[in-house]
């Protein structure tokens, strides 16, 4: 996943943890990580070597929106128009589009 995100060579485990920590440090001071799968959360924790960034204040489970037509339509539309399915970066962007569509609908399912 990381080589596709960075368009560079693969990283070893320690380098991955360092690069992720550096990237998180560039983000706003309070962030919530949104995941569509608990496995994704576990993989992130593992990649960070169990050390959560100081600016990470929570985890948001996107599975709660799986029944939302707005969320799903935006997610599917992004993938059909913009990117291949099951690619980490594009999945993240597609989920963001779903989240924004759900937010715009008044947060109802």
PDB file of N, CA and C in Angstrom:
ATOM      1  N   UNK A   1       0.820  -1.189   0.000  1.00  0.00           N
ATOM      2  CA  UNK A   1       0.000   0.000   0.000  1.00  0.00           C
ATOM      3  C   UNK A   1       0.866   1.255   0.000  1.00  0.00           C
ATOM      4  N   UNK A   2       1.826   1.349   0.885  1.00  0.00           N
ATOM      5  CA  UNK A   2       2.598   2.574   1.016  1.00  0.00           C
ATOM      6  C   UNK A   2       3.343   2.940  -0.268  1.00  0.00           C
ATOM      7  N   UNK A   3       3.938   1.977  -0.997  1.00  0.00           N
ATOM      8  CA  UNK A   3       4.587   2.395  -2.245  1.00  0.00           C
ATOM      9  C   UNK A   3       3.614   3.077  -3.207  1.00  0.00           C
ATOM     10  N   UNK A   4       2.362   2.661  -3.219  1.00  0.00           N
ATOM     11  CA  UNK A   4       1.396   3.306  -4.102  1.00  0.00           C
ATOM     12  C   UNK A   4       1.032   4.694  -3.589  1.00  0.00           C
ATOM     13  N   UNK A   5       0.984   4.860  -2.281  1.00  0.00           N
ATOM     14  CA  UNK A   5       0.673   6.174  -1.721  1.00  0.00           C
ATOM     15  C   UNK A   5       1.802   7.161  -1.999  1.00  0.00           C
ATOM     16  N   UNK A   6       3.026   6.705  -1.839  1.00  0.00           N
ATOM     17  CA  UNK A   6       4.173   7.590  -1.980  1.00  0.00           C
ATOM     18  C   UNK A   6       4.808   7.518  -3.362  1.00  0.00           C
ATOM     19  N   UNK A   7       4.363   6.578  -4.177  1.00  0.00           N
ATOM     20  CA  UNK A   7       4.922   6.373  -5.516  1.00  0.00           C
ATOM     21  C   UNK A   7       6.429   6.159  -5.457  1.00  0.00           C
ATOM     22  N   UNK A   8       6.857   5.447  -4.427  1.00  0.00           N
ATOM     23  CA  UNK A   8       8.277   5.184  -4.268  1.00  0.00           C
ATOM     24  C   UNK A   8       8.519   3.740  -3.884  1.00  0.00           C
ATOM     25  N   UNK A   9       9.731   3.435  -3.484  1.00  0.00           N
ATOM     26  CA  UNK A   9      10.080   2.060  -3.139  1.00  0.00           C
ATOM     27  C   UNK A   9       9.408   1.600  -1.844  1.00  0.00           C
ATOM     28  N   UNK A  10       9.374   0.295  -1.674  1.00  0.00           N
ATOM     29  CA  UNK A  10       8.799  -0.283  -0.457  1.00  0.00           C
ATOM     30  C   UNK A  10       9.641   0.109   0.753  1.00  0.00           C
ATOM     31  N   UNK A  11       9.013   0.117   1.906  1.00  0.00           N
ATOM     32  CA  UNK A  11       9.683   0.469   3.154  1.00  0.00           C
ATOM     33  C   UNK A  11       9.716  -0.738   4.071  1.00  0.00           C
ATOM     34  N   UNK A  12      10.749  -0.816   4.904  1.00  0.00           N
ATOM     35  CA  UNK A  12      10.715  -1.864   5.917  1.00  0.00           C
ATOM     36  C   UNK A  12       9.810  -1.393   7.054  1.00  0.00           C
ATOM     37  N   UNK A  13       9.552  -2.259   8.001  1.00  0.00           N
ATOM     38  CA  UNK A  13       8.591  -1.985   9.072  1.00  0.00           C
ATOM     39  C   UNK A  13       8.935  -0.716   9.865  1.00  0.00           C
ATOM     40  N   UNK A  14      10.193  -0.564  10.224  1.00  0.00           N
ATOM     41  CA  UNK A  14      10.606   0.611  10.998  1.00  0.00           C
ATOM     42  C   UNK A  14      10.457   1.888  10.173  1.00  0.00           C
ATOM     43  N   UNK A  15      10.858   1.840   8.912  1.00  0.00           N
ATOM     44  CA  UNK A  15      10.722   3.010   8.037  1.00  0.00           C
ATOM     45  C   UNK A  15       9.253   3.393   7.867  1.00  0.00           C
ATOM     46  N   UNK A  16       8.398   2.384   7.763  1.00  0.00           N
ATOM     47  CA  UNK A  16       6.964   2.646   7.627  1.00  0.00           C
ATOM     48  C   UNK A  16       6.439   3.397   8.842  1.00  0.00           C
ATOM     49  N   UNK A  17       6.788   2.939  10.033  1.00  0.00           N
ATOM     50  CA  UNK A  17       6.338   3.605  11.258  1.00  0.00           C
ATOM     51  C   UNK A  17       6.816   5.053  11.297  1.00  0.00           C
ATOM     52  N   UNK A  18       8.062   5.278  10.919  1.00  0.00           N
ATOM     53  CA  UNK A  18       8.623   6.638  10.917  1.00  0.00           C
ATOM     54  C   UNK A  18       7.906   7.512   9.894  1.00  0.00           C
ATOM     55  N   UNK A  19       7.717   7.005   8.671  1.00  0.00           N
ATOM     56  CA  UNK A  19       7.058   7.791   7.619  1.00  0.00           C
ATOM     57  C   UNK A  19       5.618   8.126   7.988  1.00  0.00           C
ATOM     58  N   UNK A  20       4.904   7.159   8.557  1.00  0.00           N
ATOM     59  CA  UNK A  20       3.524   7.428   8.976  1.00  0.00           C
ATOM     60  C   UNK A  20       3.485   8.468  10.086  1.00  0.00           C
ATOM     61  N   UNK A  21       4.380   8.351  11.058  1.00  0.00           N
ATOM     62  CA  UNK A  21       4.432   9.328  12.151  1.00  0.00           C
ATOM     63  C   UNK A  21       4.734  10.724  11.606  1.00  0.00           C
ATOM     64  N   UNK A  22       5.648  10.807  10.657  1.00  0.00           N
ATOM     65  CA  UNK A  22       5.967  12.105  10.045  1.00  0.00           C
ATOM     66  C   UNK A  22       4.754  12.666   9.309  1.00  0.00           C
ATOM     67  N   UNK A  23       4.043  11.810   8.593  1.00  0.00           N
ATOM     68  CA  UNK A  23       2.860  12.263   7.860  1.00  0.00           C
ATOM     69  C   UNK A  23       1.779  12.740   8.822  1.00  0.00           C
ATOM     70  N   UNK A  24       1.510  11.974   9.878  1.00  0.00           N
ATOM     71  CA  UNK A  24       0.507  12.392  10.862  1.00  0.00           C
ATOM     72  C   UNK A  24       0.880  13.738  11.477  1.00  0.00           C
ATOM     73  N   UNK A  25       2.167  13.986  11.667  1.00  0.00           N
ATOM     74  CA  UNK A  25       2.617  15.252  12.260  1.00  0.00           C
ATOM     75  C   UNK A  25       2.311  16.450  11.363  1.00  0.00           C
ATOM     76  N   UNK A  26       2.088  16.232  10.079  1.00  0.00           N
ATOM     77  CA  UNK A  26       1.767  17.335   9.167  1.00  0.00           C
ATOM     78  C   UNK A  26       0.278  17.675   9.176  1.00  0.00           C
ATOM     79  N   UNK A  27      -0.526  16.832   9.810  1.00  0.00           N
ATOM     80  CA  UNK A  27      -1.977  17.022   9.818  1.00  0.00           C
ATOM     81  C   UNK A  27      -2.397  17.974  10.930  1.00  0.00           C
ATOM     82  N   UNK A  28      -3.647  18.442  10.897  1.00  0.00           N
ATOM     83  CA  UNK A  28      -4.133  19.325  11.961  1.00  0.00           C
ATOM     84  C   UNK A  28      -3.934  18.706  13.344  1.00  0.00           C
ATOM     85  N   UNK A  29      -4.001  19.532  14.359  1.00  0.00           N
ATOM     86  CA  UNK A  29      -3.652  19.046  15.693  1.00  0.00           C
ATOM     87  C   UNK A  29      -4.629  18.036  16.270  1.00  0.00           C
ATOM     88  N   UNK A  30      -5.865  17.994  15.822  1.00  0.00           N
ATOM     89  CA  UNK A  30      -6.829  17.014  16.315  1.00  0.00           C
ATOM     90  C   UNK A  30      -7.467  16.292  15.141  1.00  0.00           C
ATOM     91  N   UNK A  31      -7.129  15.031  14.970  1.00  0.00           N
ATOM     92  CA  UNK A  31      -7.686  14.262  13.861  1.00  0.00           C
ATOM     93  C   UNK A  31      -8.392  13.011  14.377  1.00  0.00           C
ATOM     94  N   UNK A  32      -9.366  12.591  13.625  1.00  0.00           N
ATOM     95  CA  UNK A  32     -10.061  11.337  13.874  1.00  0.00           C
ATOM     96  C   UNK A  32      -9.833  10.455  12.655  1.00  0.00           C
ATOM     97  N   UNK A  33      -9.387   9.248  12.897  1.00  0.00           N
ATOM     98  CA  UNK A  33      -9.149   8.303  11.809  1.00  0.00           C
ATOM     99  C   UNK A  33     -10.453   7.573  11.524  1.00  0.00           C
ATOM    100  N   UNK A  34     -10.891   7.613  10.287  1.00  0.00           N
ATOM    101  CA  UNK A  34     -12.115   6.922   9.878  1.00  0.00           C
ATOM    102  C   UNK A  34     -11.738   5.652   9.128  1.00  0.00           C
ATOM    103  N   UNK A  35     -12.349   4.550   9.521  1.00  0.00           N
ATOM    104  CA  UNK A  35     -12.078   3.251   8.888  1.00  0.00           C
ATOM    105  C   UNK A  35     -13.391   2.566   8.551  1.00  0.00           C
ATOM    106  N   UNK A  36     -13.386   1.856   7.442  1.00  0.00           N
ATOM    107  CA  UNK A  36     -14.559   1.085   7.034  1.00  0.00           C
ATOM    108  C   UNK A  36     -14.457  -0.359   7.501  1.00  0.00           C
ATOM    109  N   UNK A  37     -13.366  -0.687   8.151  1.00  0.00           N
ATOM    110  CA  UNK A  37     -13.134  -2.045   8.626  1.00  0.00           C
ATOM    111  C   UNK A  37     -12.264  -1.982   9.874  1.00  0.00           C
ATOM    112  N   UNK A  38     -12.602  -2.781  10.874  1.00  0.00           N
ATOM    113  CA  UNK A  38     -11.769  -2.811  12.074  1.00  0.00           C
ATOM    114  C   UNK A  38     -10.379  -3.348  11.733  1.00  0.00           C
ATOM    115  N   UNK A  39     -10.306  -4.207  10.740  1.00  0.00           N
ATOM    116  CA  UNK A  39      -9.013  -4.734  10.302  1.00  0.00           C
ATOM    117  C   UNK A  39      -8.112  -3.604   9.812  1.00  0.00           C
ATOM    118  N   UNK A  40      -8.689  -2.618   9.123  1.00  0.00           N
ATOM    119  CA  UNK A  40      -7.899  -1.463   8.672  1.00  0.00           C
ATOM    120  C   UNK A  40      -7.295  -0.728   9.864  1.00  0.00           C
ATOM    121  N   UNK A  41      -8.085  -0.562  10.920  1.00  0.00           N
ATOM    122  CA  UNK A  41      -7.608   0.095  12.135  1.00  0.00           C
ATOM    123  C   UNK A  41      -6.452  -0.699  12.740  1.00  0.00           C
ATOM    124  N   UNK A  42      -6.620  -2.012  12.834  1.00  0.00           N
ATOM    125  CA  UNK A  42      -5.567  -2.857  13.393  1.00  0.00           C
ATOM    126  C   UNK A  42      -4.293  -2.793  12.548  1.00  0.00           C
ATOM    127  N   UNK A  43      -4.448  -2.763  11.229  1.00  0.00           N
ATOM    128  CA  UNK A  43      -3.282  -2.652  10.352  1.00  0.00           C
ATOM    129  C   UNK A  43      -2.558  -1.321  10.555  1.00  0.00           C
ATOM    130  N   UNK A  44      -3.323  -0.247  10.744  1.00  0.00           N
ATOM    131  CA  UNK A  44      -2.707   1.055  11.002  1.00  0.00           C
ATOM    132  C   UNK A  44      -1.944   1.034  12.323  1.00  0.00           C
ATOM    133  N   UNK A  45      -2.565   0.494  13.361  1.00  0.00           N
ATOM    134  CA  UNK A  45      -1.880   0.407  14.655  1.00  0.00           C
ATOM    135  C   UNK A  45      -0.592  -0.402  14.536  1.00  0.00           C
ATOM    136  N   UNK A  46      -0.668  -1.501  13.811  1.00  0.00           N
ATOM    137  CA  UNK A  46       0.511  -2.336  13.612  1.00  0.00           C
ATOM    138  C   UNK A  46       1.586  -1.572  12.839  1.00  0.00           C
ATOM    139  N   UNK A  47       1.177  -0.856  11.798  1.00  0.00           N
ATOM    140  CA  UNK A  47       2.134  -0.086  10.999  1.00  0.00           C
ATOM    141  C   UNK A  47       2.793   1.019  11.816  1.00  0.00           C
ATOM    142  N   UNK A  48       2.054   1.557  12.775  1.00  0.00           N
ATOM    143  CA  UNK A  48       2.594   2.607  13.647  1.00  0.00           C
ATOM    144  C   UNK A  48       3.358   2.019  14.828  1.00  0.00           C
ATOM    145  N   UNK A  49       3.514   0.718  14.829  1.00  0.00           N
ATOM    146  CA  UNK A  49       4.213   0.008  15.899  1.00  0.00           C
ATOM    147  C   UNK A  49       3.540   0.240  17.249  1.00  0.00           C
ATOM    148  N   UNK A  50       2.215   0.401  17.220  1.00  0.00           N
ATOM    149  CA  UNK A  50       1.433   0.554  18.443  1.00  0.00           C
ATOM    150  C   UNK A  50       1.441   1.945  19.048  1.00  0.00           C
ATOM    151  N   UNK A  51       2.162   2.880  18.455  1.00  0.00           N
ATOM    152  CA  UNK A  51       2.256   4.238  18.999  1.00  0.00           C
ATOM    153  C   UNK A  51       1.346   5.176  18.220  1.00  0.00           C
ATOM    154  N   UNK A  52       0.255   5.569  18.836  1.00  0.00           N
ATOM    155  CA  UNK A  52      -0.652   6.502  18.174  1.00  0.00           C
ATOM    156  C   UNK A  52      -0.046   7.897  18.153  1.00  0.00           C
ATOM    157  N   UNK A  53      -0.233   8.622  17.070  1.00  0.00           N
ATOM    158  CA  UNK A  53       0.259  10.000  17.008  1.00  0.00           C
ATOM    159  C   UNK A  53      -0.443  10.873  18.054  1.00  0.00           C
ATOM    160  N   UNK A  54       0.242  11.877  18.528  1.00  0.00           N
ATOM    161  CA  UNK A  54      -0.320  12.758  19.555  1.00  0.00           C
ATOM    162  C   UNK A  54      -1.561  13.488  19.071  1.00  0.00           C
ATOM    163  N   UNK A  55      -1.662  13.761  17.780  1.00  0.00           N
ATOM    164  CA  UNK A  55      -2.798  14.523  17.259  1.00  0.00           C
ATOM    165  C   UNK A  55      -3.987  13.641  16.890  1.00  0.00           C
ATOM    166  N   UNK A  56      -3.858  12.349  17.048  1.00  0.00           N
ATOM    167  CA  UNK A  56      -4.960  11.430  16.740  1.00  0.00           C
ATOM    168  C   UNK A  56      -5.827  11.312  17.984  1.00  0.00           C
ATOM    169  N   UNK A  57      -7.068  11.810  17.900  1.00  0.00           N
ATOM    170  CA  UNK A  57      -7.924  11.858  19.087  1.00  0.00           C
ATOM    171  C   UNK A  57      -9.053  10.845  19.073  1.00  0.00           C
ATOM    172  N   UNK A  58      -9.228  10.137  17.973  1.00  0.00           N
ATOM    173  CA  UNK A  58     -10.308   9.164  17.949  1.00  0.00           C
ATOM    174  C   UNK A  58     -10.325   8.325  16.692  1.00  0.00           C
ATOM    175  N   UNK A  59     -11.243   7.353  16.712  1.00  0.00           N
ATOM    176  CA  UNK A  59     -11.469   6.480  15.561  1.00  0.00           C
ATOM    177  C   UNK A  59     -12.952   6.520  15.254  1.00  0.00           C
ATOM    178  N   UNK A  60     -13.278   6.631  13.988  1.00  0.00           N
ATOM    179  CA  UNK A  60     -14.672   6.684  13.561  1.00  0.00           C
ATOM    180  C   UNK A  60     -14.942   5.486  12.665  1.00  0.00           C
ATOM    181  N   UNK A  61     -15.975   4.728  12.993  1.00  0.00           N
ATOM    182  CA  UNK A  61     -16.328   3.527  12.247  1.00  0.00           C
ATOM    183  C   UNK A  61     -17.304   3.883  11.129  1.00  0.00           C
ATOM    184  N   UNK A  62     -16.818   3.850   9.907  1.00  0.00           N
ATOM    185  CA  UNK A  62     -17.655   4.187   8.752  1.00  0.00           C
ATOM    186  C   UNK A  62     -18.691   3.118   8.432  1.00  0.00           C
ATOM    187  N   UNK A  63     -18.559   1.936   9.027  1.00  0.00           N
ATOM    188  CA  UNK A  63     -19.532   0.871   8.755  1.00  0.00           C
ATOM    189  C   UNK A  63     -20.941   1.277   9.153  1.00  0.00           C
ATOM    190  N   UNK A  64     -21.060   2.234  10.057  1.00  0.00           N
ATOM    191  CA  UNK A  64     -22.380   2.703  10.485  1.00  0.00           C
ATOM    192  C   UNK A  64     -23.158   3.315   9.322  1.00  0.00           C
ATOM    193  N   UNK A  65     -22.470   3.683   8.263  1.00  0.00           N
ATOM    194  CA  UNK A  65     -23.118   4.329   7.122  1.00  0.00           C
ATOM    195  C   UNK A  65     -23.364   3.379   5.950  1.00  0.00           C
ATOM    196  N   UNK A  66     -23.146   2.102   6.181  1.00  0.00           N
ATOM    197  CA  UNK A  66     -23.278   1.138   5.082  1.00  0.00           C
ATOM    198  C   UNK A  66     -24.698   1.058   4.538  1.00  0.00           C
ATOM    199  N   UNK A  67     -25.686   1.470   5.324  1.00  0.00           N
ATOM    200  CA  UNK A  67     -27.073   1.460   4.854  1.00  0.00           C
ATOM    201  C   UNK A  67     -27.511   2.793   4.256  1.00  0.00           C
ATOM    202  N   UNK A  68     -26.627   3.766   4.254  1.00  0.00           N
ATOM    203  CA  UNK A  68     -26.965   5.089   3.735  1.00  0.00           C
ATOM    204  C   UNK A  68     -26.828   5.111   2.214  1.00  0.00           C
ATOM    205  N   UNK A  69     -27.928   5.387   1.537  1.00  0.00           N
ATOM    206  CA  UNK A  69     -27.895   5.460   0.072  1.00  0.00           C
ATOM    207  C   UNK A  69     -26.947   6.558  -0.394  1.00  0.00           C
ATOM    208  N   UNK A  70     -26.965   7.703   0.280  1.00  0.00           N
ATOM    209  CA  UNK A  70     -26.103   8.821  -0.112  1.00  0.00           C
ATOM    210  C   UNK A  70     -24.626   8.419  -0.014  1.00  0.00           C
ATOM    211  N   UNK A  71     -24.277   7.807   1.098  1.00  0.00           N
ATOM    212  CA  UNK A  71     -22.898   7.376   1.315  1.00  0.00           C
ATOM    213  C   UNK A  71     -22.476   6.391   0.228  1.00  0.00           C
ATOM    214  N   UNK A  72     -23.270   5.360   0.030  1.00  0.00           N
ATOM    215  CA  UNK A  72     -22.925   4.310  -0.931  1.00  0.00           C
ATOM    216  C   UNK A  72     -22.880   4.819  -2.363  1.00  0.00           C
ATOM    217  N   UNK A  73     -23.818   5.667  -2.743  1.00  0.00           N
ATOM    218  CA  UNK A  73     -23.826   6.197  -4.111  1.00  0.00           C
ATOM    219  C   UNK A  73     -22.560   7.013  -4.380  1.00  0.00           C
ATOM    220  N   UNK A  74     -22.177   7.849  -3.420  1.00  0.00           N
ATOM    221  CA  UNK A  74     -20.977   8.672  -3.603  1.00  0.00           C
ATOM    222  C   UNK A  74     -19.719   7.804  -3.641  1.00  0.00           C
ATOM    223  N   UNK A  75     -19.670   6.797  -2.793  1.00  0.00           N
ATOM    224  CA  UNK A  75     -18.533   5.874  -2.765  1.00  0.00           C
ATOM    225  C   UNK A  75     -18.389   5.153  -4.105  1.00  0.00           C
ATOM    226  N   UNK A  76     -19.483   4.618  -4.601  1.00  0.00           N
ATOM    227  CA  UNK A  76     -19.473   3.886  -5.871  1.00  0.00           C
ATOM    228  C   UNK A  76     -19.161   4.818  -7.036  1.00  0.00           C
ATOM    229  N   UNK A  77     -19.775   5.994  -7.039  1.00  0.00           N
ATOM    230  CA  UNK A  77     -19.555   6.962  -8.119  1.00  0.00           C
ATOM    231  C   UNK A  77     -18.068   7.334  -8.213  1.00  0.00           C
ATOM    232  N   UNK A  78     -17.433   7.560  -7.067  1.00  0.00           N
ATOM    233  CA  UNK A  78     -16.006   7.896  -7.082  1.00  0.00           C
ATOM    234  C   UNK A  78     -15.202   6.771  -7.731  1.00  0.00           C
ATOM    235  N   UNK A  79     -15.442   5.552  -7.300  1.00  0.00           N
ATOM    236  CA  UNK A  79     -14.675   4.426  -7.835  1.00  0.00           C
ATOM    237  C   UNK A  79     -14.940   4.190  -9.314  1.00  0.00           C
ATOM    238  N   UNK A  80     -16.159   4.358  -9.736  1.00  0.00           N
ATOM    239  CA  UNK A  80     -16.477   4.125 -11.144  1.00  0.00           C
ATOM    240  C   UNK A  80     -15.889   5.198 -12.052  1.00  0.00           C
ATOM    241  N   UNK A  81     -15.768   6.419 -11.548  1.00  0.00           N
ATOM    242  CA  UNK A  81     -15.294   7.525 -12.378  1.00  0.00           C
ATOM    243  C   UNK A  81     -13.803   7.798 -12.234  1.00  0.00           C
ATOM    244  N   UNK A  82     -13.254   7.524 -11.073  1.00  0.00           N
ATOM    245  CA  UNK A  82     -11.930   8.043 -10.777  1.00  0.00           C
ATOM    246  C   UNK A  82     -10.825   7.024 -10.567  1.00  0.00           C
ATOM    247  N   UNK A  83     -11.152   5.836 -10.122  1.00  0.00           N
ATOM    248  CA  UNK A  83     -10.072   5.002  -9.636  1.00  0.00           C
ATOM    249  C   UNK A  83     -10.427   3.527  -9.597  1.00  0.00           C
ATOM    250  N   UNK A  84      -9.406   2.704  -9.535  1.00  0.00           N
ATOM    251  CA  UNK A  84      -9.663   1.269  -9.406  1.00  0.00           C
ATOM    252  C   UNK A  84     -10.179   0.927  -8.002  1.00  0.00           C
ATOM    253  N   UNK A  85     -10.974  -0.110  -7.934  1.00  0.00           N
ATOM    254  CA  UNK A  85     -11.485  -0.582  -6.649  1.00  0.00           C
ATOM    255  C   UNK A  85     -10.348  -1.239  -5.852  1.00  0.00           C
ATOM    256  N   UNK A  86     -10.474  -1.182  -4.532  1.00  0.00           N
ATOM    257  CA  UNK A  86      -9.577  -1.879  -3.600  1.00  0.00           C
ATOM    258  C   UNK A  86      -8.122  -1.430  -3.726  1.00  0.00           C
ATOM    259  N   UNK A  87      -7.943  -0.159  -3.919  1.00  0.00           N
ATOM    260  CA  UNK A  87      -6.629   0.485  -3.913  1.00  0.00           C
ATOM    261  C   UNK A  87      -6.683   1.413  -2.706  1.00  0.00           C
ATOM    262  N   UNK A  88      -5.746   1.277  -1.793  1.00  0.00           N
ATOM    263  CA  UNK A  88      -5.838   1.962  -0.498  1.00  0.00           C
ATOM    264  C   UNK A  88      -6.103   3.458  -0.614  1.00  0.00           C
ATOM    265  N   UNK A  89      -5.361   4.141  -1.449  1.00  0.00           N
ATOM    266  CA  UNK A  89      -5.539   5.587  -1.564  1.00  0.00           C
ATOM    267  C   UNK A  89      -6.901   5.924  -2.155  1.00  0.00           C
ATOM    268  N   UNK A  90      -7.299   5.202  -3.191  1.00  0.00           N
ATOM    269  CA  UNK A  90      -8.588   5.483  -3.820  1.00  0.00           C
ATOM    270  C   UNK A  90      -9.754   5.072  -2.923  1.00  0.00           C
ATOM    271  N   UNK A  91      -9.581   3.990  -2.173  1.00  0.00           N
ATOM    272  CA  UNK A  91     -10.621   3.609  -1.212  1.00  0.00           C
ATOM    273  C   UNK A  91     -10.813   4.715  -0.175  1.00  0.00           C
ATOM    274  N   UNK A  92      -9.701   5.275   0.301  1.00  0.00           N
ATOM    275  CA  UNK A  92      -9.793   6.357   1.287  1.00  0.00           C
ATOM    276  C   UNK A  92     -10.520   7.563   0.701  1.00  0.00           C
ATOM    277  N   UNK A  93     -10.194   7.904  -0.522  1.00  0.00           N
ATOM    278  CA  UNK A  93     -10.856   9.044  -1.167  1.00  0.00           C
ATOM    279  C   UNK A  93     -12.330   8.758  -1.439  1.00  0.00           C
ATOM    280  N   UNK A  94     -12.638   7.531  -1.830  1.00  0.00           N
ATOM    281  CA  UNK A  94     -14.036   7.157  -2.075  1.00  0.00           C
ATOM    282  C   UNK A  94     -14.838   7.205  -0.780  1.00  0.00           C
ATOM    283  N   UNK A  95     -14.244   6.726   0.310  1.00  0.00           N
ATOM    284  CA  UNK A  95     -14.934   6.797   1.599  1.00  0.00           C
ATOM    285  C   UNK A  95     -15.137   8.251   2.027  1.00  0.00           C
ATOM    286  N   UNK A  96     -14.172   9.099   1.729  1.00  0.00           N
ATOM    287  CA  UNK A  96     -14.338  10.526   2.042  1.00  0.00           C
ATOM    288  C   UNK A  96     -15.519  11.106   1.269  1.00  0.00           C
ATOM    289  N   UNK A  97     -15.635  10.747  -0.004  1.00  0.00           N
ATOM    290  CA  UNK A  97     -16.766  11.228  -0.795  1.00  0.00           C
ATOM    291  C   UNK A  97     -18.086  10.734  -0.206  1.00  0.00           C
ATOM    292  N   UNK A  98     -18.106   9.482   0.235  1.00  0.00           N
ATOM    293  CA  UNK A  98     -19.300   8.953   0.886  1.00  0.00           C
ATOM    294  C   UNK A  98     -19.634   9.712   2.153  1.00  0.00           C
ATOM    295  N   UNK A  99     -18.612   9.987   2.947  1.00  0.00           N
ATOM    296  CA  UNK A  99     -18.795  10.733   4.201  1.00  0.00           C
ATOM    297  C   UNK A  99     -19.353  12.129   3.919  1.00  0.00           C
ATOM    298  N   UNK A 100     -18.769  12.818   2.944  1.00  0.00           N
ATOM    299  CA  UNK A 100     -19.238  14.165   2.615  1.00  0.00           C
ATOM    300  C   UNK A 100     -20.678  14.142   2.118  1.00  0.00           C
ATOM    301  N   UNK A 101     -21.026  13.138   1.324  1.00  0.00           N
ATOM    302  CA  UNK A 101     -22.411  13.019   0.841  1.00  0.00           C
ATOM    303  C   UNK A 101     -23.356  12.767   2.002  1.00  0.00           C
ATOM    304  N   UNK A 102     -22.961  11.915   2.923  1.00  0.00           N
ATOM    305  CA  UNK A 102     -23.788  11.627   4.096  1.00  0.00           C
ATOM    306  C   UNK A 102     -23.949  12.884   4.951  1.00  0.00           C
ATOM    307  N   UNK A 103     -22.862  13.638   5.136  1.00  0.00           N
ATOM    308  CA  UNK A 103     -22.918  14.887   5.907  1.00  0.00           C
ATOM    309  C   UNK A 103     -23.882  15.874   5.258  1.00  0.00           C
ATOM    310  N   UNK A 104     -23.842  15.963   3.942  1.00  0.00           N
ATOM    311  CA  UNK A 104     -24.703  16.892   3.217  1.00  0.00           C
ATOM    312  C   UNK A 104     -26.166  16.518   3.262  1.00  0.00           C
ATOM    313  N   UNK A 105     -26.459  15.282   3.597  1.00  0.00           N
ATOM    314  CA  UNK A 105     -27.849  14.810   3.649  1.00  0.00           C
ATOM    315  C   UNK A 105     -28.437  14.993   5.047  1.00  0.00           C
ATOM    316  N   UNK A 106     -27.757  15.647   5.925  1.00  0.00           N
ATOM    317  CA  UNK A 106     -28.292  15.898   7.257  1.00  0.00           C
ATOM    318  C   UNK A 106     -28.065  14.753   8.223  1.00  0.00           C
ATOM    319  N   UNK A 107     -27.064  13.906   7.918  1.00  0.00           N
ATOM    320  CA  UNK A 107     -26.667  12.827   8.812  1.00  0.00           C
ATOM    321  C   UNK A 107     -27.783  11.845   9.107  1.00  0.00           C
ATOM    322  N   UNK A 108     -28.575  11.527   8.127  1.00  0.00           N
ATOM    323  CA  UNK A 108     -29.621  10.526   8.332  1.00  0.00           C
ATOM    324  C   UNK A 108     -29.340   9.318   7.464  1.00  0.00           C
ATOM    325  N   UNK A 109     -29.759   8.158   7.930  1.00  0.00           N
ATOM    326  CA  UNK A 109     -29.612   6.927   7.138  1.00  0.00           C
ATOM    327  C   UNK A 109     -30.920   6.581   6.503  1.00  0.00           C
TER     328      UNK A 109
END
